[in-house]
Amino acid sequence: MNPTMYILGALAVLVILSAFFIVKQQTAVVIETFGKFSSIRQSGLHMKIPLVQRIAGRLSLKIQQLDVIVETKTLDDVFVKLKVSVQFKVIRDKVYDAFYKLDYPHDQITSYVFDVVRAEVPKMKLDDVFVKKDDIAIAVKAELNDAMMEYGYDIIKTLVTDIDPDAQVKAAMNRINASEREKIAAQFEGDAQRILIVEKAKAEAESKRLQGQGIADQRREIARGLEESVEVLNKVGINSQEASALIVVTQHYDTLQSIGEETNSNLILLPNSPQAGSDMLNNMVASFTASNQIGEAMKKAKNKKNTDE
């Protein structure tokens, strides 16, 4: 066969094969005839007229995401960077508008995001930007929906995914937060110390009360014992003054004896000479006698006064 026939046959096969094309799922293909829009083909196997029609472009119908970083200033003059994530897709029924009306959709969306963020954030203080980030996202979505719907794009969701203030501002915020936490910790420590002091004071007061009660009971028992001792001595002809002096002297020597028995005692009893007991007894008898004389003199003076009246 003539080689020319082979070439023509091969070209014919190629032309026929080029008439068929496949469109993937979630994709739209724009077909033009001699440079003019002809049709839109959805997923599946399709055919076009070779050399007359061509595939002008393919558009994905999947949801896409565009991340836009915007730097702006807040109401309290703090520069902050916001990362806004915009999720959008081409509307299936408006593939023509999306393909022919807009060349660079990402640039268009970015411009609207910049416009809205720089209009909203300067109205807020830095703390409000963190609290009201959802309000910023809603404002961006509303603006984009109104603008991009005309071009065949549907804005699914807008999210403010990151808020990044200036490094110095973040350091200052961290210091403020740390100082606040230290203040709270100091307050808790102060409350704990105050509770310990109060409880310790209560414990000491209770201890002193019980100690005083014990001493009072001890002295009461001592007084009762002395009273009984005086009564016993009175029965054998020893008067109260002599009995009291004898008891004191006896206790004095009992104390010296107990000190002598305790080898590790540091207690010193004064006076502790051999004449101490005798001197103490004489002094006590003399004081009791003088006291009785003074009492008798005062009683006589009072009786005389009553008589004269």
Protein backbone atom coordinates (compact mmCIF):
# COMPACT_ATOMS: atom_id res chain seq x y z
CA MET A 1 0.00 0.00 0.00
CA ASN A 2 1.06 3.54 -0.69
CA PRO A 3 2.79 5.15 2.35
CA THR A 4 0.60 8.19 1.86
CA MET A 5 -2.45 6.06 2.47
CA TYR A 6 -0.92 4.85 5.75
CA ILE A 7 -0.40 8.41 6.88
CA LEU A 8 -3.90 9.47 5.92
CA GLY A 9 -5.36 6.45 7.69
CA ALA A 10 -3.39 7.18 10.85
CA LEU A 11 -4.54 10.79 10.79
CA ALA A 12 -8.13 9.72 10.36
CA VAL A 13 -7.86 7.44 13.37
CA LEU A 14 -6.36 10.20 15.47
CA VAL A 15 -9.10 12.62 14.44
CA ILE A 16 -11.78 10.11 15.35
CA LEU A 17 -10.16 9.35 18.70
CA SER A 18 -9.83 13.06 19.49
CA ALA A 19 -13.58 13.40 19.08
CA PHE A 20 -14.08 11.43 22.30
CA PHE A 21 -13.18 12.67 25.75
CA ILE A 22 -13.94 11.77 29.38
CA VAL A 23 -15.10 14.14 32.12
CA LYS A 24 -14.27 13.07 35.67
CA GLN A 25 -16.71 13.08 38.56
CA GLN A 26 -17.32 16.51 40.17
CA THR A 27 -15.86 18.24 37.12
CA ALA A 28 -17.44 20.40 34.41
CA VAL A 29 -15.98 20.90 30.90
CA VAL A 30 -16.67 23.98 28.78
CA ILE A 31 -16.94 23.28 25.01
CA GLU A 32 -16.46 26.02 22.40
CA THR A 33 -17.26 25.90 18.67
CA PHE A 34 -14.92 28.08 16.64
CA GLY A 35 -14.10 30.01 19.78
CA LYS A 36 -17.71 30.56 20.84
CA PHE A 37 -19.32 28.94 23.85
CA SER A 38 -21.21 25.85 22.83
CA SER A 39 -22.02 23.65 25.82
CA ILE A 40 -21.08 22.41 29.27
CA ARG A 41 -20.42 18.73 29.75
CA GLN A 42 -20.71 16.91 33.08
CA SER A 43 -19.04 13.65 34.20
CA GLY A 44 -18.96 10.74 31.74
CA LEU A 45 -17.90 9.90 28.15
CA HIS A 46 -18.60 12.66 25.58
CA MET A 47 -17.93 13.46 21.94
CA LYS A 48 -17.09 16.69 20.14
CA ILE A 49 -16.61 17.59 16.52
CA PRO A 50 -12.91 17.38 15.74
CA LEU A 51 -11.25 20.54 14.44
CA VAL A 52 -14.51 22.43 14.99
CA GLN A 53 -15.09 22.13 18.71
CA ARG A 54 -12.54 22.24 21.47
CA ILE A 55 -12.35 21.94 25.26
CA ALA A 56 -12.03 25.53 26.46
CA GLY A 57 -11.49 24.60 30.11
CA ARG A 58 -12.26 22.35 33.03
CA LEU A 59 -13.73 23.51 36.34
CA SER A 60 -13.73 21.49 39.56
CA LEU A 61 -17.10 21.31 41.31
CA LYS A 62 -15.49 20.19 44.59
CA ILE A 63 -15.32 22.39 47.66
CA GLN A 64 -12.08 24.35 47.65
CA GLN A 65 -10.32 26.23 50.43
CA LEU A 66 -8.39 29.46 50.22
CA ASP A 67 -6.32 30.70 53.21
CA VAL A 68 -5.92 34.47 53.39
CA ILE A 69 -3.59 36.18 55.89
CA VAL A 70 -4.55 39.78 56.65
CA GLU A 71 -2.52 42.21 58.75
CA THR A 72 -4.46 45.06 60.27
CA LYS A 73 -4.66 47.28 63.37
CA THR A 74 -7.11 47.05 66.25
CA LEU A 75 -8.92 49.85 68.05
CA ASP A 76 -6.22 49.95 70.75
CA ASP A 77 -3.47 50.34 68.10
CA VAL A 78 -2.17 46.77 68.14
CA PHE A 79 -1.08 45.23 64.85
CA VAL A 80 -2.42 41.73 64.41
CA LYS A 81 -2.41 39.09 61.68
CA LEU A 82 -5.57 37.10 61.02
CA LYS A 83 -5.72 33.91 59.01
CA VAL A 84 -9.12 33.57 57.31
CA SER A 85 -9.99 30.27 55.65
CA VAL A 86 -12.65 30.53 52.94
CA GLN A 87 -14.36 27.36 51.71
CA PHE A 88 -16.13 27.79 48.35
CA LYS A 89 -17.24 25.89 45.26
CA VAL A 90 -18.49 26.49 41.73
CA ILE A 91 -22.27 26.33 41.48
CA ARG A 92 -23.17 23.50 39.08
CA ASP A 93 -25.80 25.57 37.28
CA LYS A 94 -23.50 28.59 36.94
CA VAL A 95 -20.39 27.06 35.40
CA TYR A 96 -20.68 29.52 32.47
CA ASP A 97 -20.51 32.56 34.82
CA ALA A 98 -17.64 31.04 36.84
CA PHE A 99 -15.62 30.38 33.68
CA TYR A 100 -16.27 33.46 31.58
CA LYS A 101 -16.98 36.24 34.10
CA LEU A 102 -14.00 35.75 36.40
CA ASP A 103 -10.42 34.99 35.45
CA TYR A 104 -8.82 34.83 38.91
CA PRO A 105 -11.38 33.84 41.58
CA HIS A 106 -8.73 33.43 44.29
CA ASP A 107 -7.57 37.01 43.84
CA GLN A 108 -11.15 38.26 43.90
CA ILE A 109 -11.96 36.39 47.12
CA THR A 110 -8.71 37.59 48.72
CA SER A 111 -9.59 41.20 47.93
CA TYR A 112 -13.00 40.93 49.56
CA VAL A 113 -11.52 39.23 52.64
CA PHE A 114 -8.98 42.06 53.02
CA ASP A 115 -11.71 44.65 52.63
CA VAL A 116 -14.05 43.16 55.23
CA VAL A 117 -11.38 42.30 57.83
CA ARG A 118 -9.79 45.74 57.63
CA ALA A 119 -13.23 47.28 58.04
CA GLU A 120 -14.28 45.16 61.05
CA VAL A 121 -11.13 44.64 63.15
CA PRO A 122 -10.24 48.36 63.61
CA LYS A 123 -13.58 48.71 65.45
CA MET A 124 -12.51 46.20 68.11
CA LYS A 125 -9.93 46.03 70.86
CA LEU A 126 -7.45 43.17 70.80
CA ASP A 127 -9.29 41.14 73.44
CA ASP A 128 -12.56 41.58 71.53
CA VAL A 129 -10.92 40.27 68.35
CA PHE A 130 -10.32 36.93 70.10
CA VAL A 131 -13.80 36.86 71.60
CA LYS A 132 -15.67 37.99 68.46
CA LYS A 133 -13.72 36.12 65.79
CA ASP A 134 -16.92 34.32 64.77
CA ASP A 135 -18.55 37.70 64.12
CA ILE A 136 -15.65 38.58 61.81
CA ALA A 137 -16.07 35.28 59.95
CA ILE A 138 -19.82 35.85 59.54
CA ALA A 139 -19.23 39.35 58.18
CA VAL A 140 -16.70 38.00 55.65
CA LYS A 141 -19.08 35.25 54.53
CA ALA A 142 -21.99 37.66 54.07
CA GLU A 143 -19.88 40.04 51.97
CA LEU A 144 -18.40 37.25 49.85
CA ASN A 145 -21.76 35.59 49.24
CA ASP A 146 -23.26 38.80 47.90
CA ALA A 147 -20.26 39.44 45.64
CA MET A 148 -19.29 35.96 44.42
CA MET A 149 -22.78 34.59 43.79
CA GLU A 150 -22.90 36.77 40.67
CA TYR A 151 -19.77 35.04 39.37
CA GLY A 152 -21.10 31.54 39.93
CA TYR A 153 -19.34 30.82 43.24
CA ASP A 154 -21.01 29.71 46.46
CA ILE A 155 -19.26 30.54 49.76
CA ILE A 156 -19.74 27.49 51.98
CA LYS A 157 -17.93 28.59 55.14
CA THR A 158 -15.50 31.21 56.41
CA LEU A 159 -13.36 30.62 59.48
CA VAL A 160 -10.92 32.81 61.38
CA THR A 161 -8.41 30.06 62.15
CA ASP A 162 -5.56 32.10 63.64
CA ILE A 163 -5.06 35.44 65.40
CA ASP A 164 -1.42 36.40 65.76
CA PRO A 165 -0.61 39.72 67.50
CA ASP A 166 2.82 41.34 67.38
CA ALA A 167 5.51 39.40 69.29
CA GLN A 168 6.00 42.17 71.87
CA VAL A 169 2.26 42.32 72.50
CA LYS A 170 2.10 38.56 73.03
CA ALA A 171 5.02 38.75 75.47
CA ALA A 172 3.25 41.55 77.38
CA MET A 173 0.01 39.55 77.47
CA ASN A 174 1.88 36.54 78.81
CA ARG A 175 3.49 38.68 81.52
CA ILE A 176 0.10 40.09 82.50
CA ASN A 177 -1.37 36.59 82.65
CA ALA A 178 1.57 35.31 84.70
CA SER A 179 1.32 38.27 87.10
CA GLU A 180 -2.40 37.70 87.55
CA ARG A 181 -1.84 34.04 88.33
CA GLU A 182 0.95 34.91 90.78
CA LYS A 183 -1.40 37.38 92.47
CA ILE A 184 -4.09 34.71 92.84
CA ALA A 185 -1.51 32.22 94.15
CA ALA A 186 -0.29 34.80 96.70
CA GLN A 187 -3.87 35.39 97.83
CA PHE A 188 -4.42 31.67 98.34
CA GLU A 189 -1.14 31.38 100.24
CA GLY A 190 -2.09 34.36 102.42
CA ASP A 191 -5.49 32.81 103.16
CA ALA A 192 -3.81 29.54 104.07
CA GLN A 193 -1.33 31.29 106.39
CA ARG A 194 -4.15 33.26 108.01
CA ILE A 195 -6.14 30.08 108.61
CA LEU A 196 -3.07 28.42 110.15
CA ILE A 197 -2.47 31.41 112.44
CA VAL A 198 -6.13 31.52 113.52
CA GLU A 199 -6.26 27.80 114.16
CA LYS A 200 -2.97 27.92 116.04
CA ALA A 201 -4.26 30.79 118.18
CA LYS A 202 -7.46 28.85 118.88
CA ALA A 203 -5.43 25.80 119.85
CA GLU A 204 -3.20 27.86 122.15
CA ALA A 205 -6.24 29.53 123.74
CA GLU A 206 -7.86 26.15 124.33
CA SER A 207 -4.57 24.83 125.74
CA LYS A 208 -4.28 27.81 128.11
CA ARG A 209 -7.90 27.39 129.18
CA LEU A 210 -7.41 23.72 129.94
CA GLN A 211 -4.09 24.47 131.64
CA GLY A 212 -5.72 27.13 133.80
CA GLN A 213 -8.57 24.80 134.64
CA GLY A 214 -6.04 22.15 135.64
CA ILE A 215 -4.14 24.59 137.85
CA ALA A 216 -7.40 25.75 139.44
CA ASP A 217 -8.40 22.16 140.15
CA GLN A 218 -4.95 21.44 141.53
CA ARG A 219 -5.06 24.45 143.86
CA ARG A 220 -8.58 23.55 144.92
CA GLU A 221 -7.43 20.06 145.91
CA ILE A 222 -4.38 21.51 147.68
CA ALA A 223 -6.63 23.89 149.63
CA ARG A 224 -8.96 21.03 150.55
CA GLY A 225 -6.00 18.96 151.73
CA LEU A 226 -4.64 21.85 153.80
CA GLU A 227 -8.07 22.37 155.35
CA GLU A 228 -8.23 18.73 156.36
CA SER A 229 -4.69 18.88 157.75
CA VAL A 230 -5.52 21.93 159.87
CA GLU A 231 -8.62 20.21 161.24
CA VAL A 232 -6.56 17.16 162.23
CA LEU A 233 -3.93 19.32 163.99
CA ASN A 234 -6.62 21.32 165.78
CA LYS A 235 -7.94 18.11 167.27
CA VAL A 236 -4.58 17.50 168.99
CA GLY A 237 -4.41 21.00 170.52
CA ILE A 238 -2.52 22.90 167.81
CA ASN A 239 -4.18 26.17 166.84
CA SER A 240 -4.74 27.28 163.26
CA GLN A 241 -1.73 29.60 163.07
CA GLU A 242 0.66 27.00 164.35
CA ALA A 243 -0.90 24.36 162.12
CA SER A 244 -0.50 26.56 159.04
CA ALA A 245 3.13 27.28 159.89
CA LEU A 246 3.80 23.59 160.47
CA ILE A 247 2.25 22.65 157.11
CA VAL A 248 4.31 25.26 155.26
CA VAL A 249 7.54 24.06 156.88
CA THR A 250 6.63 20.44 156.13
CA GLN A 251 5.98 21.26 152.46
CA HIS A 252 9.27 23.15 152.34
CA TYR A 253 11.24 20.10 153.43
CA ASP A 254 9.19 17.82 151.18
CA THR A 255 10.17 20.03 148.26
CA LEU A 256 13.86 19.87 149.20
CA GLN A 257 13.61 16.10 149.43
CA SER A 258 11.99 15.80 145.93
CA ILE A 259 14.68 18.05 144.44
CA GLY A 260 17.38 15.90 145.95
CA GLU A 261 15.84 12.76 144.49
CA GLU A 262 15.84 14.25 140.94
CA THR A 263 19.44 14.03 139.71
CA ASN A 264 18.89 15.98 136.48
CA SER A 265 16.86 18.80 138.02
CA ASN A 266 17.98 22.41 137.41
CA LEU A 267 15.55 23.84 139.97
CA ILE A 268 17.00 25.92 142.84
CA LEU A 269 14.78 26.60 145.87
CA LEU A 270 15.57 29.75 147.85
CA PRO A 271 16.08 29.92 150.77
CA ASN A 272 17.47 26.41 151.28
CA SER A 273 19.87 26.77 154.25
CA PRO A 274 19.44 24.61 157.40
CA GLN A 275 18.10 27.64 159.35
CA ALA A 276 15.57 28.36 156.56
CA GLY A 277 12.84 26.19 158.09
CA SER A 278 13.20 27.71 161.55
CA ASP A 279 13.32 31.26 160.22
CA MET A 280 10.31 30.64 158.02
CA LEU A 281 8.32 29.23 160.96
CA ASN A 282 9.23 32.16 163.24
CA ASN A 283 8.40 34.70 160.57
CA MET A 284 5.06 33.11 159.85
CA VAL A 285 4.12 32.95 163.58
CA ALA A 286 5.18 36.57 164.01
CA SER A 287 3.16 37.65 160.98
CA PHE A 288 0.09 35.79 162.16
CA THR A 289 0.43 37.36 165.66
CA ALA A 290 0.86 40.85 164.22
CA SER A 291 -2.10 40.28 161.95
CA ASN A 292 -4.29 39.23 164.85
CA GLN A 293 -3.22 42.27 166.90
CA ILE A 294 -3.99 44.62 164.04
CA GLY A 295 -7.36 42.95 163.57
CA GLU A 296 -8.19 43.27 167.29
CA ALA A 297 -7.15 46.95 167.33
CA MET A 298 -9.32 47.73 164.31
CA LYS A 299 -12.26 45.91 165.88
CA LYS A 300 -11.91 47.89 169.14
CA ALA A 301 -11.66 51.16 167.28
CA LYS A 302 -14.80 50.36 165.33
CA ASN A 303 -16.74 49.39 168.48
CA LYS A 304 -15.65 52.61 170.22
CA LYS A 305 -16.80 54.68 167.28
CA ASN A 306 -20.18 53.00 167.29
CA THR A 307 -20.48 53.63 171.05
CA ASP A 308 -19.66 57.32 170.73
CA GLU A 309 -22.30 57.76 168.06
